């Protein structure tokens, strides 16, 4: 198969569908995340680990939302992959990976607090959470800059589009480190948290209702993460293998369309983050803190 004759672009209906979805996502996402930032930064007193992570998550989601109008415009106007485009692409992928990273850190932080409440008092602090968040920003910024500098982009390539059918090892490494490793960490931590909460529920019937709420919240967080991101990164992975196997253009075009449409689903996570981690966090805090008290007498965990 002569791959040089392939012309891989998004399906024509994608631009219209993207616009119809991104308008409500943009409005709702900005409202929810700005509201979350206002509450976390202005309405709460003491800074805690969860609060630090939530502020970083809301900032990453807001910055990702900022790139969506430009991404939509680039699909309608078929903008070329110039310097401005590379900056927008970098910001888009940077903030998506930052959201994934922060969500993973929140899951790990909850795991430590639930599984090892006494040890967690020494391991967790708002300052350590701030350092962890700052370190994650630096790592992802450097990683995104490195990826963009090594990308093989032609002058006639479209913005936010992989027209080349050459397999990219850098893309593969990014998919693994940026999503699949965080997915394993988040899944493990979430399953362990649910198991621990159910075990504690069996020890104390008085907190059964709160424990059940906490289990639902952890399960919902994991489900939202998987539903939003897994189709997209499975699509990226399949695209890499199709490019490597020199598959025919129609197969590559089909998976390319799937990647584009699943990216829309992934970007709705900007709205769902605020719902999952802000509006329901109060119930999780109450359940986890009461369970901890029943075990150690006076330990509060996962406070906002």
Protein backbone atom coordinates (compact mmCIF):
# COMPACT_ATOMS: atom_id res chain seq x y z
CA UNK A 1 0.00 0.00 0.00
CA UNK A 2 1.41 3.39 -1.01
CA UNK A 3 0.81 5.47 2.08
CA UNK A 4 1.94 8.64 0.35
CA UNK A 5 -1.39 8.65 -1.51
CA UNK A 6 -3.42 8.61 1.72
CA UNK A 7 -5.23 11.80 2.57
CA UNK A 8 -6.26 11.36 6.21
CA UNK A 9 -8.67 14.06 7.40
CA UNK A 10 -11.64 14.19 9.73
CA UNK A 11 -15.07 13.29 8.35
CA UNK A 12 -17.00 16.30 7.05
CA UNK A 13 -19.82 15.97 9.59
CA UNK A 14 -17.33 16.12 12.46
CA UNK A 15 -17.03 19.92 12.38
CA UNK A 16 -20.78 20.45 12.72
CA UNK A 17 -21.14 17.80 15.42
CA UNK A 18 -18.19 19.26 17.30
CA UNK A 19 -19.74 22.73 17.23
CA UNK A 20 -23.10 21.45 18.52
CA UNK A 21 -21.44 19.70 21.45
CA UNK A 22 -18.79 22.27 22.34
CA UNK A 23 -21.14 25.26 22.68
CA UNK A 24 -23.02 23.81 25.69
CA UNK A 25 -19.81 22.19 27.01
CA UNK A 26 -18.02 25.53 26.86
CA UNK A 27 -20.83 27.43 28.62
CA UNK A 28 -21.49 24.80 31.28
CA UNK A 29 -17.80 24.06 31.79
CA UNK A 30 -16.86 27.70 32.33
CA UNK A 31 -19.75 28.26 34.75
CA UNK A 32 -19.04 25.13 36.80
CA UNK A 33 -15.26 25.52 36.94
CA UNK A 34 -15.30 29.26 37.65
CA UNK A 35 -17.85 28.59 40.40
CA UNK A 36 -15.61 25.85 41.79
CA UNK A 37 -12.57 28.18 41.73
CA UNK A 38 -14.57 30.93 43.45
CA UNK A 39 -15.72 28.61 46.22
CA UNK A 40 -12.36 26.93 46.77
CA UNK A 41 -10.35 30.16 46.65
CA UNK A 42 -12.73 32.64 48.29
CA UNK A 43 -15.38 30.86 50.35
CA UNK A 44 -13.43 28.25 52.28
CA UNK A 45 -11.09 28.90 55.17
CA UNK A 46 -8.38 26.34 55.78
CA UNK A 47 -6.46 24.99 52.78
CA UNK A 48 -6.31 21.20 52.60
CA UNK A 49 -4.83 18.64 50.20
CA UNK A 50 -8.09 18.05 48.37
CA UNK A 51 -8.68 21.78 48.00
CA UNK A 52 -5.21 22.29 46.46
CA UNK A 53 -5.77 19.49 43.96
CA UNK A 54 -9.26 20.72 43.11
CA UNK A 55 -8.00 24.23 42.33
CA UNK A 56 -5.35 22.79 39.99
CA UNK A 57 -7.94 20.55 38.33
CA UNK A 58 -10.32 23.47 37.78
CA UNK A 59 -7.49 25.62 36.35
CA UNK A 60 -6.47 22.84 33.94
CA UNK A 61 -10.08 22.33 32.84
CA UNK A 62 -10.60 26.09 32.33
CA UNK A 63 -7.46 26.34 30.19
CA UNK A 64 -8.58 23.33 28.16
CA UNK A 65 -11.98 24.95 27.62
CA UNK A 66 -10.17 28.07 26.36
CA UNK A 67 -8.64 26.05 23.49
CA UNK A 68 -11.94 24.49 22.35
CA UNK A 69 -13.18 27.51 20.29
CA UNK A 70 -9.86 27.59 18.43
CA UNK A 71 -9.98 23.83 17.90
CA UNK A 72 -13.49 24.16 16.47
CA UNK A 73 -12.45 27.07 14.23
CA UNK A 74 -9.46 25.13 12.94
CA UNK A 75 -11.75 22.29 11.82
CA UNK A 76 -14.10 24.65 9.97
CA UNK A 77 -11.37 26.75 8.37
CA UNK A 78 -8.87 23.88 7.86
CA UNK A 79 -6.09 25.91 9.44
CA UNK A 80 -2.54 24.89 8.64
CA UNK A 81 -0.11 23.55 11.25
CA UNK A 82 1.80 26.82 11.73
CA UNK A 83 3.43 28.18 14.89
CA UNK A 84 0.16 29.47 16.39
CA UNK A 85 -1.45 26.11 15.75
CA UNK A 86 1.36 24.27 17.55
CA UNK A 87 0.89 26.54 20.58
CA UNK A 88 -2.85 25.80 20.65
CA UNK A 89 -2.25 22.08 20.21
CA UNK A 90 0.32 22.17 22.99
CA UNK A 91 -2.08 23.94 25.35
CA UNK A 92 -4.88 21.55 24.45
CA UNK A 93 -2.89 18.38 25.15
CA UNK A 94 -1.04 19.88 28.11
CA UNK A 95 -4.22 20.64 30.02
CA UNK A 96 -5.86 17.33 29.13
CA UNK A 97 -2.89 15.40 30.50
CA UNK A 98 -2.83 17.70 33.52
CA UNK A 99 -6.48 16.90 34.22
CA UNK A 100 -5.74 13.18 33.95
CA UNK A 101 -2.73 13.55 36.25
CA UNK A 102 -4.59 15.52 38.92
CA UNK A 103 -7.52 13.09 38.87
CA UNK A 104 -5.02 10.26 39.39
CA UNK A 105 -3.32 12.09 42.25
CA UNK A 106 -6.71 12.68 43.92
CA UNK A 107 -7.42 8.94 43.72
CA UNK A 108 -4.00 8.11 45.21
CA UNK A 109 -4.49 10.72 47.94
CA UNK A 110 -7.87 9.24 48.85
CA UNK A 111 -6.32 5.77 48.89
CA UNK A 112 -3.64 6.83 51.37
CA UNK A 113 -6.18 8.61 53.56
CA UNK A 114 -8.61 5.70 53.66
CA UNK A 115 -6.18 2.77 53.69
CA UNK A 116 -3.51 4.23 55.97
CA UNK A 117 -5.16 7.05 57.98
CA UNK A 118 -2.41 7.27 60.64
CA UNK A 119 0.49 7.23 58.19
CA UNK A 120 -1.36 9.63 55.89
CA UNK A 121 -1.20 12.37 58.53
CA UNK A 122 2.57 12.50 58.02
CA UNK A 123 2.50 11.97 54.25
CA UNK A 124 -0.27 14.44 53.39
CA UNK A 125 -0.28 18.22 53.78
CA UNK A 126 -1.48 21.21 51.71
CA UNK A 127 2.14 22.25 51.09
CA UNK A 128 3.08 18.79 49.84
CA UNK A 129 -0.02 18.79 47.64
CA UNK A 130 1.04 22.15 46.18
CA UNK A 131 4.56 20.85 45.49
CA UNK A 132 3.15 17.69 43.86
CA UNK A 133 0.83 19.76 41.67
CA UNK A 134 3.61 22.17 40.70
CA UNK A 135 5.95 19.29 39.87
CA UNK A 136 3.24 17.70 37.71
CA UNK A 137 2.72 20.98 35.82
CA UNK A 138 6.47 21.23 35.12
CA UNK A 139 6.76 17.60 33.96
CA UNK A 140 3.75 17.80 31.63
CA UNK A 141 4.81 21.18 30.20
CA UNK A 142 8.27 19.80 29.44
CA UNK A 143 6.84 16.60 28.01
CA UNK A 144 4.38 18.46 25.77
CA UNK A 145 7.09 20.85 24.55
CA UNK A 146 9.37 17.92 23.77
CA UNK A 147 6.65 16.09 21.87
CA UNK A 148 5.78 19.14 19.79
CA UNK A 149 9.43 19.80 18.96
CA UNK A 150 9.93 16.24 17.67
CA UNK A 151 6.66 15.91 15.77
CA UNK A 152 6.96 15.29 12.04
CA UNK A 153 4.54 17.90 10.66
CA UNK A 154 4.39 18.94 7.02
CA UNK A 155 3.62 22.48 5.93
CA UNK A 156 0.35 21.40 4.34
CA UNK A 157 -0.87 19.48 7.43
CA UNK A 158 -4.04 20.68 9.11
CA UNK A 159 -4.12 21.90 12.70
CA UNK A 160 -5.31 19.29 15.26
CA UNK A 161 -5.01 16.61 12.57
CA UNK A 162 -2.54 13.73 12.10
CA UNK A 163 -2.38 13.53 8.34
CA UNK A 164 0.81 11.49 8.28
CA UNK A 165 0.52 7.69 8.35
CA UNK A 166 4.03 7.28 9.75
CA UNK A 167 3.86 5.56 13.18
CA UNK A 168 5.10 7.83 15.97
CA UNK A 169 6.95 6.18 18.85
CA UNK A 170 6.73 9.46 20.76
CA UNK A 171 2.95 9.35 20.47
CA UNK A 172 2.91 5.76 21.72
CA UNK A 173 5.04 6.65 24.77
CA UNK A 174 2.78 9.61 25.46
CA UNK A 175 -0.34 7.44 25.32
CA UNK A 176 1.16 4.92 27.75
CA UNK A 177 2.63 7.38 30.26
CA UNK A 178 -0.10 10.00 29.89
CA UNK A 179 -3.13 7.74 30.14
CA UNK A 180 -2.70 3.99 30.56
CA UNK A 181 -0.35 4.19 33.56
CA UNK A 182 -2.62 6.76 35.29
CA UNK A 183 -5.58 4.50 34.44
CA UNK A 184 -3.94 1.56 36.22
CA UNK A 185 -3.10 3.70 39.26
CA UNK A 186 -6.58 5.21 39.47
CA UNK A 187 -8.31 1.84 39.01
CA UNK A 188 -6.17 0.16 41.67
CA UNK A 189 -6.66 2.99 44.18
CA UNK A 190 -10.42 3.18 43.52
CA UNK A 191 -10.93 -0.57 43.90
CA UNK A 192 -8.91 -0.59 47.13
CA UNK A 193 -10.86 2.40 48.50
CA UNK A 194 -14.19 0.72 47.74
CA UNK A 195 -13.04 -2.53 49.37
CA UNK A 196 -11.83 -0.68 52.47
CA UNK A 197 -15.02 1.35 52.77
CA UNK A 198 -17.16 -1.76 52.51
CA UNK A 199 -15.03 -3.50 55.11
CA UNK A 200 -15.43 -0.59 57.52
CA UNK A 201 -19.15 -0.49 56.80
CA UNK A 202 -19.36 -4.07 57.99
CA UNK A 203 -17.63 -3.07 61.22
CA UNK A 204 -20.02 -0.20 61.94
CA UNK A 205 -23.67 -0.27 60.89
CA UNK A 206 -24.22 3.31 62.09
CA UNK A 207 -22.35 4.79 59.13
CA UNK A 208 -23.81 2.51 56.46
CA UNK A 209 -25.60 5.30 54.59
CA UNK A 210 -22.55 7.58 54.44
CA UNK A 211 -20.32 4.70 53.44
CA UNK A 212 -22.66 3.75 50.63
CA UNK A 213 -22.57 7.34 49.35
CA UNK A 214 -18.77 7.34 49.45
CA UNK A 215 -18.64 4.07 47.51
CA UNK A 216 -20.99 5.50 44.88
CA UNK A 217 -18.83 8.60 44.55
CA UNK A 218 -15.57 6.68 44.07
CA UNK A 219 -17.28 4.35 41.60
CA UNK A 220 -18.75 7.31 39.69
CA UNK A 221 -15.37 9.07 39.52
CA UNK A 222 -13.70 5.96 38.10
CA UNK A 223 -16.55 5.29 35.66
CA UNK A 224 -16.54 8.87 34.34
CA UNK A 225 -12.76 8.75 33.87
CA UNK A 226 -12.92 5.45 31.96
CA UNK A 227 -15.94 6.36 29.83
CA UNK A 228 -14.54 9.77 28.86
CA UNK A 229 -10.92 8.87 28.13
CA UNK A 230 -10.59 5.15 27.38
CA UNK A 231 -12.25 5.21 23.89
CA UNK A 232 -9.99 8.08 22.79
CA UNK A 233 -6.73 6.49 23.86
CA UNK A 234 -7.71 3.06 22.60
CA UNK A 235 -8.35 4.82 19.28
CA UNK A 236 -4.90 6.46 19.40
CA UNK A 237 -3.34 3.08 20.19
CA UNK A 238 -5.17 1.38 17.33
CA UNK A 239 -4.15 4.20 14.98
CA UNK A 240 -0.50 3.61 15.91
CA UNK A 241 -0.76 -0.11 15.14
CA UNK A 242 -2.57 0.52 11.84
CA UNK A 243 0.13 2.98 10.80
CA UNK A 244 2.81 0.45 11.81
CA UNK A 245 1.18 -2.41 9.90
CA UNK A 246 0.82 -0.35 6.69
CA UNK A 247 -2.94 -0.86 6.64
CA UNK A 248 -5.02 0.47 3.79
CA UNK A 249 -6.11 4.09 3.77
CA UNK A 250 -9.79 3.34 4.41
CA UNK A 251 -9.01 1.52 7.66
CA UNK A 252 -6.77 4.35 8.86
CA UNK A 253 -9.42 6.90 7.85
CA UNK A 254 -12.07 5.00 9.82
CA UNK A 255 -10.04 4.90 13.02
CA UNK A 256 -9.08 8.54 12.49
CA UNK A 257 -12.78 9.46 12.45
CA UNK A 258 -13.30 7.41 15.62
CA UNK A 259 -10.45 9.28 17.35
CA UNK A 260 -11.96 12.64 16.42
CA UNK A 261 -15.43 11.77 17.65
CA UNK A 262 -14.14 10.17 20.86
CA UNK A 263 -12.10 13.32 21.54
CA UNK A 264 -15.39 15.18 21.87
CA UNK A 265 -16.48 12.72 24.56
CA UNK A 266 -13.14 13.18 26.33
CA UNK A 267 -13.52 16.96 26.36
CA UNK A 268 -16.91 16.77 28.10
CA UNK A 269 -14.87 15.68 31.13
CA UNK A 270 -14.23 19.38 31.77
CA UNK A 271 -17.84 19.67 32.95
CA UNK A 272 -18.04 16.30 34.67
CA UNK A 273 -14.93 16.94 36.79
CA UNK A 274 -16.64 19.79 38.60
CA UNK A 275 -19.77 17.71 39.19
CA UNK A 276 -17.95 14.60 40.37
CA UNK A 277 -15.27 16.20 42.52
CA UNK A 278 -16.93 19.38 43.78
CA UNK A 279 -20.65 18.91 44.29
CA UNK A 280 -20.38 15.41 45.76
CA UNK A 281 -17.18 15.92 47.75
CA UNK A 282 -19.08 16.93 50.90
CA UNK A 283 -20.72 13.52 51.20
CA UNK A 284 -17.41 11.75 50.64
CA UNK A 285 -15.74 13.90 53.28
CA UNK A 286 -18.45 13.15 55.84
CA UNK A 287 -18.40 9.41 55.18
CA UNK A 288 -14.64 9.03 55.23
CA UNK A 289 -14.10 11.21 58.31
CA UNK A 290 -16.75 9.40 60.35
CA UNK A 291 -15.33 6.05 59.35
CA UNK A 292 -11.90 7.19 60.41
CA UNK A 293 -13.22 8.40 63.76
CA UNK A 294 -14.86 5.04 64.38
CA UNK A 295 -11.46 3.39 63.93
CA UNK A 296 -8.95 5.77 65.49
CA UNK A 297 -11.04 8.07 67.61
CA UNK A 298 -10.25 11.47 66.19
CA UNK A 299 -8.84 11.30 62.65
CA UNK A 300 -10.46 13.31 59.90
CA UNK A 301 -9.52 12.54 56.31
CA UNK A 302 -10.31 13.90 52.92
CA UNK A 303 -11.52 17.25 54.12
CA UNK A 304 -12.02 20.06 51.62
